[in-house]
Amino acid sequence: MINKYDGFIFDLDGTIYIEDKIIPNADLIINKLKELEKRVVFISNKTTGNINTYLNFLKNNGFNISEDEIINSTVVIKKYLEENHPKQNFFAIGENIFIEEIESAELKFNNDPLNIDIVIVTLDRTLNYNKLEIAAKALDNGAKFYAANIDNTCPVEGGEILDAGSTISALEKRTHRKLEKHFGKPSEYMFNGINDAIKVPPEKCLIIGDRLETDIAMGNIFGVDTALVSTGVVKELSVNGKYKPTYKLSSVSDLIEIL
């Protein structure tokens, strides 16, 4: 496996860590891959932290990595909005750190449904009925309907919490509008961002993640080999679905045997 691939694309939540706990030996594996001069990129659909949040957390836990090796869906949607919706008004069902990142792209946060050009949905642990209704009324008035990610749940220690997918479903039913674009895994926008960062042909890369419908799906869609781990959302490697991993690992720790 090590000789077969030059680029290793690691999901973060559920694969490298769960909440604030690193998966055993994950740091040793990453550092060894880099010693072998393999390209490594970390990807996440989670928007409750920015790139510096992830970088500092990983470096403080022994990972020898740099800022340009981390991509999350905030970075991807921010780039799209900068290029396609400069200075427009947006409303986000999302947490403050996400809103601040979008504002740094020179878009303007607005909570008046009559003046909202774009509604963006992502993970929001402060979600309430008022936010849903502002978003719904803006969509009724013709606002664009985007999502930073479409995960139904987010893995946490001891289980999962509701994520953007559940909110998207609620808004689609309330407004009879369909989501127009999303920017996390397994979208083409995220895949293009990964390609720009890793600079290795897709056929020489391996995606390692814990979700069939995002990590493994992205590999299947774009022709990249994948490895499914059972430390996050998927608990049983015998699980079957539309998307098929190339390999099944109990944990990234299994890579130690190869290294």
Protein backbone atom coordinates (compact mmCIF):
# COMPACT_ATOMS: atom_id res chain seq x y z
CA MET A 1 0.00 0.00 0.00
CA ILE A 2 2.75 2.46 0.89
CA ASN A 3 4.53 1.97 -2.42
CA LYS A 4 1.27 2.14 -4.36
CA TYR A 5 0.31 5.64 -3.17
CA ASP A 6 2.14 8.97 -3.14
CA GLY A 7 -0.70 10.99 -1.60
CA PHE A 8 -2.70 10.23 1.56
CA ILE A 9 -5.92 12.18 2.19
CA PHE A 10 -7.14 11.86 5.78
CA ASP A 11 -10.55 12.80 7.08
CA LEU A 12 -10.23 14.42 10.52
CA ASP A 13 -13.33 13.93 12.70
CA GLY A 14 -13.80 10.25 13.42
CA THR A 15 -10.61 9.23 11.63
CA ILE A 16 -7.71 11.18 13.18
CA TYR A 17 -9.55 12.24 16.34
CA ILE A 18 -12.91 12.28 18.07
CA GLU A 19 -13.63 15.62 19.75
CA ASP A 20 -10.39 16.33 21.65
CA LYS A 21 -9.03 12.77 21.72
CA ILE A 22 -6.49 11.64 19.13
CA ILE A 23 -6.97 8.15 17.67
CA PRO A 24 -4.07 6.07 19.08
CA ASN A 25 -0.89 6.28 16.97
CA ALA A 26 -2.41 8.66 14.43
CA ASP A 27 0.42 11.15 15.01
CA LEU A 28 3.09 8.45 14.52
CA ILE A 29 1.51 7.36 11.23
CA ILE A 30 1.29 10.87 9.81
CA ASN A 31 4.83 11.77 10.80
CA LYS A 32 6.18 8.53 9.33
CA LEU A 33 4.38 9.10 6.03
CA LYS A 34 5.95 12.54 5.82
CA GLU A 35 9.38 11.11 6.62
CA LEU A 36 8.84 8.82 3.62
CA GLU A 37 8.15 11.98 1.57
CA LYS A 38 4.52 11.11 0.96
CA ARG A 39 2.11 13.98 0.44
CA VAL A 40 -0.47 14.28 3.24
CA VAL A 41 -3.64 16.39 3.29
CA PHE A 42 -6.30 16.58 6.01
CA ILE A 43 -9.92 17.27 5.07
CA SER A 44 -13.02 18.04 7.09
CA ASN A 45 -16.64 18.98 6.51
CA LYS A 46 -16.76 20.47 10.00
CA THR A 47 -17.00 24.27 10.19
CA THR A 48 -16.94 24.89 13.95
CA GLY A 49 -13.22 25.66 13.77
CA ASN A 50 -10.99 27.44 11.28
CA ILE A 51 -7.72 26.22 9.76
CA ASN A 52 -5.68 27.65 12.64
CA THR A 53 -7.91 25.79 15.12
CA TYR A 54 -7.17 22.48 13.44
CA LEU A 55 -3.50 23.28 12.89
CA ASN A 56 -2.83 24.23 16.50
CA PHE A 57 -4.75 21.23 17.84
CA LEU A 58 -2.85 18.76 15.69
CA LYS A 59 0.58 20.34 16.23
CA ASN A 60 -0.02 20.40 20.00
CA ASN A 61 -0.68 16.66 19.77
CA GLY A 62 2.58 15.84 18.01
CA PHE A 63 1.66 16.08 14.32
CA ASN A 64 4.38 17.46 12.07
CA ILE A 65 2.12 19.35 9.67
CA SER A 66 1.66 22.77 8.07
CA GLU A 67 -1.31 25.06 7.41
CA ASP A 68 -1.44 24.31 3.68
CA GLU A 69 -2.10 20.62 4.43
CA ILE A 70 -5.54 21.27 5.97
CA ILE A 71 -8.77 21.92 4.05
CA ASN A 72 -12.26 22.25 5.48
CA SER A 73 -15.53 23.07 3.79
CA THR A 74 -15.37 26.64 5.10
CA VAL A 75 -12.26 27.27 2.99
CA VAL A 76 -13.93 25.77 -0.08
CA ILE A 77 -17.21 27.69 0.13
CA LYS A 78 -15.40 30.90 1.06
CA LYS A 79 -13.34 30.71 -2.14
CA TYR A 80 -16.47 30.16 -4.23
CA LEU A 81 -18.32 33.07 -2.60
CA GLU A 82 -15.36 35.42 -3.07
CA GLU A 83 -15.27 34.60 -6.77
CA ASN A 84 -19.01 34.46 -7.48
CA HIS A 85 -20.89 36.53 -4.89
CA PRO A 86 -18.64 39.44 -3.85
CA LYS A 87 -20.11 41.85 -1.30
CA GLN A 88 -23.53 40.16 -1.28
CA ASN A 89 -25.67 39.69 1.81
CA PHE A 90 -25.78 36.24 3.40
CA PHE A 91 -27.47 34.51 6.29
CA ALA A 92 -25.89 31.41 7.80
CA ILE A 93 -27.28 28.69 9.97
CA GLY A 94 -23.86 28.18 11.47
CA GLU A 95 -21.73 29.16 14.42
CA ASN A 96 -19.96 32.50 14.91
CA ILE A 97 -16.55 31.28 13.76
CA PHE A 98 -18.07 30.21 10.43
CA ILE A 99 -19.93 33.49 9.99
CA GLU A 100 -16.74 35.46 10.72
CA GLU A 101 -14.85 33.47 8.08
CA ILE A 102 -17.48 34.25 5.44
CA GLU A 103 -17.49 37.91 6.45
CA SER A 104 -13.72 37.96 5.90
CA ALA A 105 -14.49 37.22 2.23
CA GLU A 106 -16.22 40.65 2.17
CA LEU A 107 -19.74 39.31 2.20
CA LYS A 108 -22.17 40.93 4.64
CA PHE A 109 -24.12 39.02 7.27
CA ASN A 110 -27.80 39.99 7.29
CA ASN A 111 -30.78 38.55 9.18
CA ASP A 112 -33.53 40.43 7.34
CA PRO A 113 -35.16 37.89 5.00
CA LEU A 114 -36.00 40.64 2.50
CA ASN A 115 -32.32 41.57 2.13
CA ILE A 116 -30.63 38.16 2.11
CA ASP A 117 -29.05 37.06 -1.18
CA ILE A 118 -27.65 33.71 -0.02
CA VAL A 119 -28.64 31.24 2.71
CA ILE A 120 -25.83 28.96 3.87
CA VAL A 121 -26.37 25.90 6.05
CA THR A 122 -23.73 24.11 8.10
CA LEU A 123 -23.30 22.52 11.54
CA ASP A 124 -24.82 24.78 14.19
CA ARG A 125 -24.95 23.65 17.81
CA THR A 126 -26.91 26.84 18.61
CA LEU A 127 -29.66 26.12 16.07
CA ASN A 128 -33.11 27.40 17.03
CA TYR A 129 -36.52 27.96 15.47
CA ASN A 130 -35.84 31.64 14.81
CA LYS A 131 -32.79 30.85 12.65
CA LEU A 132 -34.78 28.29 10.68
CA GLU A 133 -37.56 30.77 9.98
CA ILE A 134 -35.19 33.55 8.88
CA ALA A 135 -33.57 31.12 6.46
CA ALA A 136 -36.93 29.80 5.25
CA LYS A 137 -38.37 33.27 4.61
CA ALA A 138 -35.22 34.32 2.75
CA LEU A 139 -35.52 31.21 0.57
CA ASP A 140 -39.20 32.01 -0.02
CA ASN A 141 -38.01 35.39 -1.26
CA GLY A 142 -35.59 33.83 -3.76
CA ALA A 143 -32.26 33.68 -1.91
CA LYS A 144 -29.66 31.20 -3.14
CA PHE A 145 -29.65 27.93 -1.14
CA TYR A 146 -26.13 26.68 -0.37
CA ALA A 147 -24.56 24.39 2.22
CA ALA A 148 -21.01 24.16 3.46
CA ASN A 149 -21.59 20.44 4.06
CA ILE A 150 -24.41 17.90 3.86
CA ASP A 151 -23.50 15.47 6.70
CA ASN A 152 -26.58 14.24 8.53
CA THR A 153 -24.63 13.79 11.77
CA CYS A 154 -21.28 14.70 13.31
CA PRO A 155 -19.34 12.10 15.34
CA VAL A 156 -18.70 12.98 19.00
CA GLU A 157 -17.45 10.94 21.89
CA GLY A 158 -20.18 8.48 22.80
CA GLY A 159 -22.27 8.96 19.65
CA GLU A 160 -23.34 11.55 17.11
CA ILE A 161 -25.08 14.95 16.97
CA LEU A 162 -27.33 16.41 14.27
CA ASP A 163 -25.45 18.13 11.45
CA ALA A 164 -26.29 20.21 8.39
CA GLY A 165 -28.08 17.47 6.46
CA SER A 166 -30.93 17.40 8.94
CA THR A 167 -31.34 21.18 8.73
CA ILE A 168 -31.26 21.09 4.94
CA SER A 169 -34.05 18.50 4.91
CA ALA A 170 -36.18 20.63 7.22
CA LEU A 171 -35.74 23.72 5.04
CA GLU A 172 -36.45 21.81 1.83
CA LYS A 173 -39.72 20.54 3.28
CA ARG A 174 -40.65 23.96 4.69
CA THR A 175 -39.90 25.93 1.50
CA HIS A 176 -40.29 23.34 -1.27
CA ARG A 177 -36.85 24.48 -2.45
CA LYS A 178 -33.98 22.12 -3.19
CA LEU A 179 -30.41 22.73 -2.07
CA GLU A 180 -28.55 24.26 -5.02
CA LYS A 181 -24.89 23.68 -4.14
CA HIS A 182 -22.78 22.15 -1.39
CA PHE A 183 -19.05 22.49 -0.88
CA GLY A 184 -17.91 19.72 1.42
CA LYS A 185 -17.21 16.06 0.73
CA PRO A 186 -18.10 14.53 -1.72
CA SER A 187 -18.54 17.63 -3.89
CA GLU A 188 -16.42 18.52 -6.90
CA TYR A 189 -15.56 21.80 -5.17
CA MET A 190 -13.93 19.96 -2.27
CA PHE A 191 -12.20 17.51 -4.59
CA ASN A 192 -10.71 20.33 -6.65
CA GLY A 193 -9.44 21.96 -3.45
CA ILE A 194 -7.78 18.69 -2.43
CA ASN A 195 -6.15 18.33 -5.85
CA ASP A 196 -4.76 21.85 -5.63
CA ALA A 197 -3.27 21.11 -2.21
CA ILE A 198 -1.92 17.58 -2.65
CA LYS A 199 -0.48 17.90 -6.17
CA VAL A 200 -0.57 14.13 -6.73
CA PRO A 201 -2.63 12.44 -9.49
CA PRO A 202 -5.87 10.93 -8.13
CA GLU A 203 -4.85 7.39 -9.12
CA LYS A 204 -1.81 7.70 -6.84
CA CYS A 205 -3.85 8.86 -3.82
CA LEU A 206 -5.71 7.09 -1.00
CA ILE A 207 -8.62 8.64 0.95
CA ILE A 208 -8.97 7.40 4.54
CA GLY A 209 -12.25 8.21 6.31
CA ASP A 210 -15.11 7.01 8.49
CA ARG A 211 -18.15 7.79 6.33
CA LEU A 212 -19.46 5.91 3.33
CA GLU A 213 -21.58 8.78 2.01
CA THR A 214 -18.82 11.42 2.11
CA ASP A 215 -15.26 10.03 2.30
CA ILE A 216 -15.81 6.77 0.43
CA ALA A 217 -18.34 8.36 -1.93
CA MET A 218 -15.83 11.01 -2.98
CA GLY A 219 -13.27 8.35 -3.82
CA ASN A 220 -15.80 6.31 -5.79
CA ILE A 221 -17.05 9.34 -7.71
CA PHE A 222 -13.64 10.70 -8.66
CA GLY A 223 -11.69 7.47 -9.09
CA VAL A 224 -9.59 7.51 -5.91
CA ASP A 225 -8.90 4.42 -3.79
CA THR A 226 -10.37 4.56 -0.29
CA ALA A 227 -9.97 3.02 3.16
CA LEU A 228 -12.92 2.91 5.58
CA VAL A 229 -12.18 3.02 9.32
CA SER A 230 -14.59 2.06 12.11
CA THR A 231 -13.58 4.70 14.67
CA GLY A 232 -16.19 7.30 13.69
CA VAL A 233 -19.67 7.08 12.22
CA VAL A 234 -19.21 3.55 10.85
CA LYS A 235 -18.83 1.04 13.69
CA GLU A 236 -19.11 -2.22 11.75
CA LEU A 237 -16.80 -2.79 8.78
CA SER A 238 -19.25 -5.36 7.40
CA VAL A 239 -21.62 -2.49 6.57
CA ASN A 240 -22.80 -2.45 2.96
CA GLY A 241 -24.04 0.45 0.91
CA LYS A 242 -23.97 2.22 -2.42
CA TYR A 243 -20.32 3.22 -1.99
CA LYS A 244 -17.59 0.61 -1.62
CA PRO A 245 -14.18 1.15 0.04
CA THR A 246 -11.03 -0.35 -1.46
CA TYR A 247 -9.82 -1.34 2.02
CA LYS A 248 -11.39 -1.71 5.47
CA LEU A 249 -9.38 -0.81 8.58
CA SER A 250 -10.43 -0.94 12.20
CA SER A 251 -8.46 2.29 12.72
CA VAL A 252 -5.69 4.37 11.16
CA SER A 253 -3.56 2.48 13.71
CA ASP A 254 -3.69 -0.47 11.29
CA LEU A 255 -1.34 1.43 9.01
CA ILE A 256 1.46 0.90 11.52
CA GLU A 257 1.75 -2.70 10.32
CA ILE A 258 2.41 -1.44 6.80
CA LEU A 259 4.83 1.28 7.83
